[in-house]
Amino acid sequence: MFQPWGLALLLGLLIISSAQATPSGQAVLNIGPEVFNKVFFQELINQDAVQVLKDLPLYEAMRNTNSIPLIGGLIRSFLKQIIWLKVTEANIPQLAFTLSKEGHLQIRIPLDMVAGLNTILTKKLVQLHMEIDVITEVHTKTDYEGNSYLVLGKCTNSPNNLRISLLQKLSFGVSFLANKVIDCLMPTLPSLVKKEVCPVIENAFKNMTSKIYTWSTLPVPIGSNFLSFEVLSSSNVDSIFELDLNAKLQNSSGNVIKVFSDTSSLTMPKSDVSGFSFIVRQDVVNAIIGNMLPVEELTVLLDSVLPELARELKSVLDKVNTKASVQLEPTQIVKIFTQEPPDITLKPGSATVAQMIVFEVFATNHATRPLFTLGIEATSEGQFYTEGNRLFFNLKGISSERIHLMNSGTGLFSPELMGKVISEILFAVLLPNQNGLLRNGIPLSIFKNFGYTETKVIPIEGALSITSS
């Protein structure tokens, strides 16, 4: 599933387009300029880009260039006045991302440097402020197998993106020499940057795309299993990369245990993020929570553990099922079965959890058959929240919406009047157990890799949205 190539496109099959594509997978990852800037800048640091700027051979390049605006013996005389010329300070301010007229993503990388010039005319260090922007575009290429990947276009610059100036006032002679150095550097610096810096930028871009692709497809531990993603395609909407992801649930051996259908589409909110947003379809959210809340059976000695609820249950049964009430003894047992994983419905700002529950009451702890069996359609309010780089889900409250008599050894009766006490028993027994199973949450390491220690989560129509804070 994971592509081995280091030139892998910025996350899958990228199609540069100004129109938002309709996602066909179960999740969408939007990467905004802020994330792109963080990761790309870090890769530039990893490639020692600042040190490369400091090591630019300014004097050698100026000496070897054919465009020095001096002639004859003046060249040698001019160069003899320079003892030392070197970049002393270098900085790469924030990158800028825009769309070109052709619809390609254009990256502007500003380089800010201070060069020290030592001359025999003065003991004072002459400082030159040099600013130059490297501009490159992201292009999509397709190999013979039909796989698309990202490459950078050639580094370019223009006279409008090059500025060299003096940082202090100088005497006439020194100022004249410094201005001649500036005249020499104006045509020299762009070619020097292209030769020395552009390869560093290209390597940083390759490493960045490879890392982001890997981060986006890393398996996420969900209980004892893993949720993994693969990139189906991606598109460029303005300056945001939108990745269309396909989800699979796998066991610890790597075997797929659930494949999600592509029959329902993912409704996308308006994409307007500078950091990131991760939209996960409702059926994937259900699979995640269902994997953390497996079908289970809970048994409780009601009179010993919850005596007040035991008395309330008997009081209600006195009214609706006297035959069952008189048989209850102090060792009475209540068994609660969840028949299937909960079903979560996501709406803007809310999550509703529906569960099908079997509720059995046994007269004693030795009874082999229940007095009666009820089928309960229960609902809860679900709450998603994040702490650090983990996503948590919590069930708040539970109510028995519908109660059906499935089986009775004490004759037919109407169980609707038992709704209140049943809800209280479920709240006291089932809810703490389920919230306990959910307490470890789900790691969101991809967003930590993006440079974020906090995220926020909100349900939207048919999906869950996780975004940068």
Protein backbone atom coordinates (compact mmCIF):
# COMPACT_ATOMS: atom_id res chain seq x y z
CA MET A 1 0.00 0.00 0.00
CA PHE A 2 2.86 2.39 0.78
CA GLN A 3 4.76 3.79 -2.16
CA PRO A 4 8.53 3.37 -1.83
CA TRP A 5 9.58 6.21 -4.05
CA GLY A 6 11.07 9.26 -2.37
CA LEU A 7 9.72 11.44 -5.17
CA ALA A 8 6.22 10.38 -4.29
CA LEU A 9 3.81 13.13 -4.86
CA LEU A 10 2.83 15.41 -2.15
CA LEU A 11 0.36 12.89 -0.94
CA GLY A 12 -0.83 10.60 -3.60
CA LEU A 13 -1.96 11.27 -7.10
CA LEU A 14 -1.98 15.04 -7.33
CA ILE A 15 -4.01 16.80 -9.97
CA ILE A 16 -3.40 20.52 -9.93
CA SER A 17 -6.76 22.15 -10.37
CA SER A 18 -8.57 25.26 -9.29
CA ALA A 19 -11.83 23.36 -8.91
CA GLN A 20 -12.58 21.27 -5.85
CA ALA A 21 -12.80 17.59 -6.68
CA THR A 22 -15.58 15.43 -5.23
CA PRO A 23 -13.96 12.98 -2.79
CA SER A 24 -14.55 9.32 -3.56
CA GLY A 25 -12.90 7.95 -0.42
CA GLN A 26 -13.95 7.98 3.21
CA ALA A 27 -11.63 10.72 4.44
CA VAL A 28 -10.10 13.95 3.22
CA LEU A 29 -6.94 15.62 4.49
CA ASN A 30 -6.52 19.31 3.68
CA ILE A 31 -3.01 20.68 4.03
CA GLY A 32 -2.80 24.46 4.11
CA PRO A 33 0.14 26.81 3.55
CA GLU A 34 0.93 26.94 7.27
CA VAL A 35 1.65 23.20 7.44
CA PHE A 36 3.41 23.20 4.09
CA ASN A 37 5.58 26.07 5.29
CA LYS A 38 6.46 24.34 8.58
CA VAL A 39 7.43 21.03 7.04
CA PHE A 40 9.26 22.52 4.06
CA PHE A 41 11.15 25.00 6.25
CA GLN A 42 12.20 22.21 8.62
CA GLU A 43 13.52 20.21 5.69
CA LEU A 44 15.49 23.24 4.54
CA ILE A 45 17.00 23.39 8.02
CA ASN A 46 17.73 19.66 7.88
CA GLN A 47 19.54 20.25 4.60
CA ASP A 48 21.71 22.97 6.27
CA ALA A 49 20.33 25.60 3.90
CA VAL A 50 21.37 28.44 6.22
CA GLN A 51 24.93 27.16 6.38
CA VAL A 52 24.96 26.78 2.59
CA LEU A 53 24.06 30.48 2.36
CA LYS A 54 26.86 31.37 4.75
CA ASP A 55 29.32 29.35 2.68
CA LEU A 56 28.46 31.04 -0.62
CA PRO A 57 31.78 31.81 -2.35
CA LEU A 58 30.95 35.42 -3.10
CA TYR A 59 34.51 36.61 -3.74
CA GLU A 60 35.42 33.64 -5.95
CA ALA A 61 32.21 33.99 -7.97
CA MET A 62 32.76 37.70 -8.39
CA ARG A 63 36.37 37.13 -9.46
CA ASN A 64 35.43 34.48 -12.03
CA THR A 65 32.43 36.16 -13.52
CA ASN A 66 32.58 37.71 -16.96
CA SER A 67 30.14 40.46 -16.10
CA ILE A 68 32.24 42.60 -13.76
CA PRO A 69 31.59 46.19 -14.83
CA LEU A 70 35.32 47.05 -14.91
CA ILE A 71 37.78 46.65 -17.73
CA GLY A 72 41.44 45.95 -18.25
CA GLY A 73 43.82 46.40 -15.36
CA LEU A 74 41.10 47.98 -13.25
CA ILE A 75 39.70 44.51 -12.49
CA ARG A 76 42.87 43.35 -10.79
CA SER A 77 43.25 46.65 -9.00
CA PHE A 78 39.64 46.55 -7.83
CA LEU A 79 39.87 43.01 -6.48
CA LYS A 80 43.11 43.79 -4.64
CA GLN A 81 41.22 46.27 -2.49
CA ILE A 82 39.12 43.40 -1.03
CA ILE A 83 40.66 41.42 1.83
CA TRP A 84 37.61 39.39 2.77
CA LEU A 85 34.03 39.01 1.57
CA LYS A 86 31.74 36.51 3.25
CA VAL A 87 28.12 36.00 4.31
CA THR A 88 28.04 36.55 8.07
CA GLU A 89 24.30 36.25 8.70
CA ALA A 90 21.64 34.29 6.83
CA ASN A 91 17.96 33.78 7.28
CA ILE A 92 15.06 32.20 5.39
CA PRO A 93 11.86 34.14 6.23
CA GLN A 94 8.45 32.58 5.84
CA LEU A 95 7.75 30.92 2.52
CA ALA A 96 4.88 32.16 0.38
CA PHE A 97 2.52 29.98 -1.67
CA THR A 98 0.43 31.27 -4.54
CA LEU A 99 -1.11 29.98 -7.74
CA SER A 100 0.43 30.88 -11.06
CA LYS A 101 -1.68 31.94 -14.04
CA GLU A 102 -1.37 28.38 -15.32
CA GLY A 103 -2.82 26.98 -12.08
CA HIS A 104 0.44 25.58 -10.73
CA LEU A 105 1.44 26.03 -7.11
CA GLN A 106 4.18 28.64 -6.96
CA ILE A 107 6.59 28.66 -4.03
CA ARG A 108 8.51 31.81 -3.19
CA ILE A 109 11.53 31.22 -0.93
CA PRO A 110 13.03 34.48 0.35
CA LEU A 111 16.73 34.49 1.23
CA ASP A 112 17.94 37.24 3.54
CA MET A 113 21.69 37.65 4.05
CA VAL A 114 24.23 40.06 5.46
CA ALA A 115 27.70 39.95 3.93
CA GLY A 116 30.81 41.36 5.57
CA LEU A 117 33.28 43.17 3.35
CA ASN A 118 36.79 43.86 4.65
CA THR A 119 38.88 46.25 2.57
CA ILE A 120 42.34 47.78 2.86
CA LEU A 121 40.70 51.23 2.72
CA THR A 122 39.25 50.96 6.22
CA LYS A 123 39.49 48.85 9.34
CA LYS A 124 35.72 49.02 9.73
CA LEU A 125 33.74 46.04 8.49
CA VAL A 126 31.47 47.04 5.63
CA GLN A 127 28.11 45.29 5.75
CA LEU A 128 25.97 44.54 2.71
CA HIS A 129 22.33 43.55 3.02
CA MET A 130 21.36 41.05 0.30
CA GLU A 131 17.82 39.89 -0.41
CA ILE A 132 16.88 37.51 -3.17
CA ASP A 133 13.77 35.40 -3.75
CA VAL A 134 13.96 31.94 -5.23
CA ILE A 135 10.78 31.14 -7.13
CA THR A 136 9.82 27.66 -8.22
CA GLU A 137 6.64 25.90 -9.31
CA VAL A 138 5.23 22.50 -8.45
CA HIS A 139 4.42 20.36 -11.46
CA THR A 140 2.77 16.98 -11.81
CA LYS A 141 4.39 14.24 -13.84
CA THR A 142 2.96 10.86 -14.74
CA ASP A 143 5.16 7.80 -15.21
CA TYR A 144 4.62 4.97 -17.65
CA GLU A 145 2.53 3.08 -15.09
CA GLY A 146 0.13 5.99 -14.79
CA ASN A 147 1.33 7.06 -11.33
CA SER A 148 1.54 10.80 -10.80
CA TYR A 149 4.09 12.54 -8.65
CA LEU A 150 5.28 16.02 -7.84
CA VAL A 151 8.45 17.66 -9.10
CA LEU A 152 9.81 21.16 -8.77
CA GLY A 153 10.36 23.36 -11.76
CA LYS A 154 13.60 25.23 -12.25
CA CYS A 155 14.58 27.87 -9.73
CA THR A 156 14.02 31.33 -11.16
CA ASN A 157 14.46 34.91 -10.07
CA SER A 158 14.14 38.34 -11.60
CA PRO A 159 15.75 41.73 -11.06
CA ASN A 160 12.68 42.75 -9.06
CA ASN A 161 13.48 40.01 -6.53
CA LEU A 162 17.11 41.04 -5.94
CA ARG A 163 18.10 43.84 -3.57
CA ILE A 164 21.60 44.65 -2.30
CA SER A 165 22.25 47.71 -0.16
CA LEU A 166 24.72 49.14 2.34
CA LEU A 167 23.82 48.98 6.02
CA GLN A 168 25.92 51.99 7.12
CA LYS A 169 27.26 55.30 5.90
CA LEU A 170 30.81 55.20 4.58
CA SER A 171 33.48 57.56 3.38
CA PHE A 172 33.54 58.44 -0.30
CA GLY A 173 36.36 56.04 -1.20
CA VAL A 174 34.97 53.09 0.74
CA SER A 175 31.45 53.82 -0.47
CA PHE A 176 32.71 53.88 -4.07
CA LEU A 177 34.39 50.47 -3.62
CA ALA A 178 31.34 49.00 -1.85
CA ASN A 179 29.05 50.14 -4.65
CA LYS A 180 31.36 48.48 -7.17
CA VAL A 181 31.09 45.26 -5.18
CA ILE A 182 27.31 45.61 -5.27
CA ASP A 183 27.48 46.16 -9.05
CA CYS A 184 29.44 42.93 -9.35
CA LEU A 185 27.16 40.95 -7.07
CA MET A 186 23.93 41.97 -8.84
CA PRO A 187 24.54 39.65 -11.83
CA THR A 188 26.65 37.16 -9.83
CA LEU A 189 24.39 36.38 -6.87
CA PRO A 190 21.42 34.94 -8.84
CA SER A 191 23.59 32.43 -10.70
CA LEU A 192 25.45 31.58 -7.50
CA VAL A 193 22.20 30.93 -5.67
CA LYS A 194 20.95 28.79 -8.54
CA LYS A 195 24.12 26.71 -8.48
CA GLU A 196 24.56 26.32 -4.71
CA VAL A 197 21.10 26.74 -3.16
CA CYS A 198 18.64 25.32 -5.69
CA PRO A 199 19.89 21.71 -5.27
CA VAL A 200 19.33 22.09 -1.52
CA ILE A 201 15.77 23.32 -2.13
CA GLU A 202 15.06 20.40 -4.48
CA ASN A 203 16.33 17.85 -1.94
CA ALA A 204 14.28 19.47 0.82
CA PHE A 205 11.16 19.28 -1.35
CA LYS A 206 11.73 15.60 -2.13
CA ASN A 207 12.18 14.77 1.54
CA MET A 208 9.14 16.81 2.50
CA THR A 209 6.81 15.12 0.03
CA SER A 210 8.07 11.70 1.02
CA LYS A 211 7.58 12.42 4.74
CA ILE A 212 4.08 13.87 4.37
CA TYR A 213 3.02 10.92 2.25
CA THR A 214 4.37 8.50 4.84
CA TRP A 215 2.75 10.34 7.75
CA SER A 216 -0.61 10.34 5.99
CA THR A 217 -0.59 6.59 5.46
CA LEU A 218 0.75 5.44 8.83
CA PRO A 219 -1.61 2.93 10.53
CA VAL A 220 -3.51 4.35 13.51
CA PRO A 221 -3.92 1.94 16.47
CA ILE A 222 -7.59 1.42 17.30
CA GLY A 223 -7.81 -0.93 20.24
CA SER A 224 -6.13 -4.16 19.14
CA ASN A 225 -6.55 -3.31 15.45
CA PHE A 226 -5.35 -0.57 13.11
CA LEU A 227 -7.02 1.97 10.84
CA SER A 228 -4.94 2.70 7.77
CA PHE A 229 -5.33 5.06 4.83
CA GLU A 230 -4.14 5.06 1.27
CA VAL A 231 -4.18 8.03 -1.06
CA LEU A 232 -6.65 7.71 -3.93
CA SER A 233 -6.01 11.12 -5.44
CA SER A 234 -5.49 14.71 -4.49
CA SER A 235 -6.21 18.09 -5.92
CA ASN A 236 -5.16 21.64 -5.36
CA VAL A 237 -7.88 24.07 -4.28
CA ASP A 238 -6.39 27.56 -4.28
CA SER A 239 -3.28 27.08 -2.12
CA ILE A 240 -4.61 24.06 -0.21
CA PHE A 241 -3.78 20.44 -0.99
CA GLU A 242 -6.82 18.20 -0.68
CA LEU A 243 -6.07 14.51 -0.28
CA ASP A 244 -8.76 11.94 -1.01
CA LEU A 245 -8.11 8.96 1.27
CA ASN A 246 -9.42 5.41 1.31
CA ALA A 247 -9.75 3.76 4.74
CA LYS A 248 -9.24 0.14 5.77
CA LEU A 249 -9.47 -1.55 9.14
CA GLN A 250 -6.75 -4.14 9.71
CA ASN A 251 -5.85 -6.54 12.47
CA SER A 252 -2.43 -6.79 14.10
CA SER A 253 -1.30 -9.21 11.39
CA GLY A 254 -2.07 -6.68 8.67
CA ASN A 255 -5.09 -8.54 7.34
CA VAL A 256 -8.00 -6.36 6.24
CA ILE A 257 -11.05 -6.98 8.43
CA LYS A 258 -13.26 -4.22 7.05
CA VAL A 259 -13.41 -2.47 3.69
CA PHE A 260 -15.60 0.60 3.47
CA SER A 261 -18.06 1.06 0.64
CA ASP A 262 -17.85 3.90 -1.85
CA THR A 263 -21.60 4.20 -2.30
CA SER A 264 -22.01 7.28 -0.10
CA SER A 265 -20.14 10.50 -0.76
CA LEU A 266 -18.36 12.67 1.76
CA THR A 267 -19.96 16.08 2.13
CA MET A 268 -17.15 18.59 2.27
CA PRO A 269 -17.46 21.90 4.11
CA LYS A 270 -15.93 24.96 2.51
CA SER A 271 -12.18 24.54 2.63
CA ASP A 272 -10.64 27.60 4.26
CA VAL A 273 -7.73 26.46 6.40
CA SER A 274 -4.23 27.77 6.83
CA GLY A 275 -3.11 24.76 8.87
CA PHE A 276 -4.92 21.49 8.23
CA SER A 277 -8.30 19.82 8.41
CA PHE A 278 -9.01 16.10 8.49
CA ILE A 279 -12.56 15.07 7.56
CA VAL A 280 -13.58 11.46 8.32
CA ARG A 281 -16.83 9.99 7.04
CA GLN A 282 -19.46 8.81 9.50
CA ASP A 283 -19.15 5.10 8.65
CA VAL A 284 -15.42 5.19 9.44
CA VAL A 285 -16.14 6.91 12.76
CA ASN A 286 -18.67 4.17 13.52
CA ALA A 287 -16.11 1.49 12.73
CA ILE A 288 -13.54 3.16 14.98
CA ILE A 289 -15.88 3.44 17.97
CA GLY A 290 -17.37 0.01 17.27
CA ASN A 291 -13.89 -1.50 17.34
CA MET A 292 -13.29 0.12 20.72
CA LEU A 293 -16.69 -1.02 22.03
CA PRO A 294 -17.01 -4.69 21.05
CA VAL A 295 -20.18 -6.68 21.64
CA GLU A 296 -20.15 -7.70 25.29
CA GLU A 297 -22.15 -9.15 28.18
CA LEU A 298 -22.34 -7.56 31.62
CA THR A 299 -23.69 -9.34 34.70
CA VAL A 300 -24.54 -7.54 37.95
CA LEU A 301 -25.90 -8.75 41.30
CA LEU A 302 -28.32 -5.89 41.45
CA ASP A 303 -29.35 -6.09 45.13
CA SER A 304 -25.73 -6.27 46.30
CA VAL A 305 -24.21 -3.67 43.97
CA LEU A 306 -27.08 -1.25 43.37
CA PRO A 307 -29.61 -1.89 46.16
CA GLU A 308 -31.63 1.26 45.55
CA LEU A 309 -32.09 0.38 41.88
CA ALA A 310 -32.99 -3.19 42.91
CA ARG A 311 -35.76 -1.84 45.13
CA GLU A 312 -36.93 0.52 42.38
CA LEU A 313 -37.01 -2.35 39.84
CA LYS A 314 -39.10 -4.48 42.22
CA SER A 315 -41.45 -1.56 42.87
CA VAL A 316 -42.04 -1.09 39.14
CA LEU A 317 -42.51 -4.84 38.59
CA ASP A 318 -45.14 -4.85 41.35
CA LYS A 319 -47.20 -2.71 39.00
CA VAL A 320 -46.45 -4.19 35.57
CA ASN A 321 -45.51 -7.85 36.24
CA THR A 322 -46.45 -9.16 39.67
CA LYS A 323 -45.47 -12.76 38.86
CA ALA A 324 -41.90 -11.66 38.18
CA SER A 325 -41.76 -9.33 41.19
CA VAL A 326 -42.63 -12.00 43.77
CA GLN A 327 -39.92 -14.32 42.46
CA LEU A 328 -37.08 -11.83 42.85
CA GLU A 329 -34.68 -12.76 45.62
CA PRO A 330 -31.67 -10.91 47.11
CA THR A 331 -29.36 -12.73 44.69
CA GLN A 332 -31.26 -11.48 41.63
CA ILE A 333 -29.14 -10.91 38.53
CA VAL A 334 -29.45 -8.47 35.66
CA LYS A 335 -27.61 -9.27 32.44
CA ILE A 336 -26.99 -6.64 29.78
CA PHE A 337 -25.96 -7.61 26.25
CA THR A 338 -24.97 -5.25 23.48
CA GLN A 339 -26.09 -7.00 20.31
CA GLU A 340 -23.98 -4.94 17.91
CA PRO A 341 -21.63 -1.95 17.98
CA PRO A 342 -23.27 1.43 18.58
CA ASP A 343 -24.45 3.47 15.62
CA ILE A 344 -23.30 7.10 15.60
CA THR A 345 -25.14 9.80 13.67
CA LEU A 346 -23.14 12.97 13.13
CA LYS A 347 -24.82 16.32 12.66
CA PRO A 348 -23.36 19.83 12.84
CA GLY A 349 -22.12 20.16 16.42
CA SER A 350 -23.69 16.94 17.73
CA ALA A 351 -23.22 13.18 17.84
CA THR A 352 -26.12 10.84 18.65
CA VAL A 353 -25.35 7.26 19.65
CA ALA A 354 -27.97 4.51 19.20
CA GLN A 355 -27.54 1.05 20.71
CA MET A 356 -29.51 -2.19 20.58
CA ILE A 357 -29.41 -3.77 24.04
CA VAL A 358 -30.78 -7.02 25.46
CA PHE A 359 -31.85 -6.74 29.09
CA GLU A 360 -32.46 -9.95 31.10
CA VAL A 361 -33.64 -10.32 34.69
CA PHE A 362 -32.95 -13.55 36.64
CA ALA A 363 -34.73 -14.27 39.93
CA THR A 364 -31.56 -15.65 41.60
CA ASN A 365 -27.93 -16.18 40.80
CA HIS A 366 -28.66 -19.89 40.29
CA ALA A 367 -31.50 -19.43 37.82
CA THR A 368 -30.73 -20.73 34.33
CA ARG A 369 -33.63 -19.00 32.63
CA PRO A 370 -34.52 -15.32 32.88
CA LEU A 371 -37.84 -14.19 34.23
CA PHE A 372 -38.09 -12.04 31.12
CA THR A 373 -35.99 -10.63 28.32
CA LEU A 374 -36.33 -7.13 26.91
CA GLY A 375 -35.00 -5.59 23.73
CA ILE A 376 -34.06 -1.95 24.26
CA GLU A 377 -33.40 0.77 21.73
CA ALA A 378 -31.22 3.16 23.71
CA THR A 379 -29.74 6.52 22.75
CA SER A 380 -26.93 8.63 24.19
CA GLU A 381 -25.29 11.91 23.46
CA GLY A 382 -21.73 11.45 22.28
CA GLN A 383 -18.94 13.95 22.91
CA PHE A 384 -15.73 14.13 20.89
CA TYR A 385 -12.80 16.08 22.27
CA THR A 386 -9.03 16.23 21.99
CA GLU A 387 -6.26 16.43 24.55
CA GLY A 388 -2.79 16.93 23.18
CA ASN A 389 -2.48 14.71 20.16
CA ARG A 390 -5.18 12.21 21.12
CA LEU A 391 -8.84 12.04 20.12
CA PHE A 392 -11.34 10.98 22.76
CA PHE A 393 -15.00 9.99 22.69
CA ASN A 394 -17.32 9.95 25.69
CA LEU A 395 -20.91 8.83 26.15
CA LYS A 396 -23.04 11.29 28.10
CA GLY A 397 -26.27 9.91 29.52
CA ILE A 398 -28.40 7.09 28.17
CA SER A 399 -32.14 6.67 27.75
CA SER A 400 -34.29 3.73 26.69
CA GLU A 401 -36.32 5.09 23.79
CA ARG A 402 -38.20 1.89 22.95
CA ILE A 403 -38.60 -1.30 24.97
CA HIS A 404 -39.80 -4.58 23.44
CA LEU A 405 -40.77 -7.76 25.27
CA MET A 406 -38.69 -10.47 23.63
CA ASN A 407 -39.37 -13.37 26.00
CA SER A 408 -41.23 -13.89 29.27
CA GLY A 409 -41.62 -16.84 31.65
CA THR A 410 -44.17 -14.91 33.69
CA GLY A 411 -46.72 -14.10 31.02
CA LEU A 412 -47.18 -11.12 28.72
CA PHE A 413 -46.87 -7.62 30.13
CA SER A 414 -46.20 -4.11 28.85
CA PRO A 415 -42.61 -3.07 29.70
CA GLU A 416 -42.93 0.61 28.75
CA LEU A 417 -43.39 1.66 32.39
CA MET A 418 -39.96 0.21 33.15
CA GLY A 419 -38.20 2.81 30.98
CA LYS A 420 -37.01 5.04 33.82
CA VAL A 421 -35.49 2.33 36.00
CA ILE A 422 -33.95 0.57 33.00
CA SER A 423 -32.30 3.81 31.91
CA GLU A 424 -30.93 4.25 35.43
CA ILE A 425 -29.52 0.71 35.45
CA LEU A 426 -27.93 1.21 32.03
CA PHE A 427 -26.47 4.52 33.22
CA ALA A 428 -25.01 2.86 36.32
CA VAL A 429 -23.75 -0.34 34.69
CA LEU A 430 -23.30 -0.06 30.92
CA LEU A 431 -22.18 3.55 30.53
CA PRO A 432 -19.18 3.45 32.94
CA ASN A 433 -17.99 0.24 31.33
CA GLN A 434 -18.16 1.66 27.82
CA ASN A 435 -16.52 4.95 28.78
CA GLY A 436 -13.79 2.91 30.47
CA LEU A 437 -13.12 1.12 27.20
CA LEU A 438 -12.93 4.48 25.43
CA ARG A 439 -10.68 6.20 27.95
CA ASN A 440 -7.36 5.63 26.13
CA GLY A 441 -8.49 7.54 23.07
CA ILE A 442 -6.92 7.46 19.61
CA PRO A 443 -3.43 8.82 18.83
CA LEU A 444 -3.18 11.56 16.22
CA SER A 445 0.55 11.40 15.60
CA ILE A 446 0.26 12.78 12.07
CA PHE A 447 -0.71 16.19 13.42
CA LYS A 448 2.21 16.17 15.85
CA ASN A 449 4.43 15.58 12.84
CA PHE A 450 2.81 18.63 11.25
CA GLY A 451 4.03 20.65 14.24
CA TYR A 452 0.77 20.92 16.22
CA THR A 453 0.43 19.94 19.86
CA GLU A 454 -3.27 20.82 20.05
CA THR A 455 -6.18 20.13 17.72
CA LYS A 456 -9.92 20.71 17.83
CA VAL A 457 -12.70 18.40 16.74
CA ILE A 458 -16.31 19.03 15.77
CA PRO A 459 -19.03 16.87 14.23
CA ILE A 460 -20.35 18.09 10.88
CA GLU A 461 -23.04 16.70 8.59
CA GLY A 462 -22.23 12.99 8.15
CA ALA A 463 -18.58 13.35 9.18
CA LEU A 464 -16.11 14.32 11.88
CA SER A 465 -13.76 17.27 11.36
CA ILE A 466 -10.38 17.55 13.10
CA THR A 467 -8.56 20.81 12.52
CA SER A 468 -5.57 22.78 13.77
CA SER A 469 -6.40 24.91 16.78
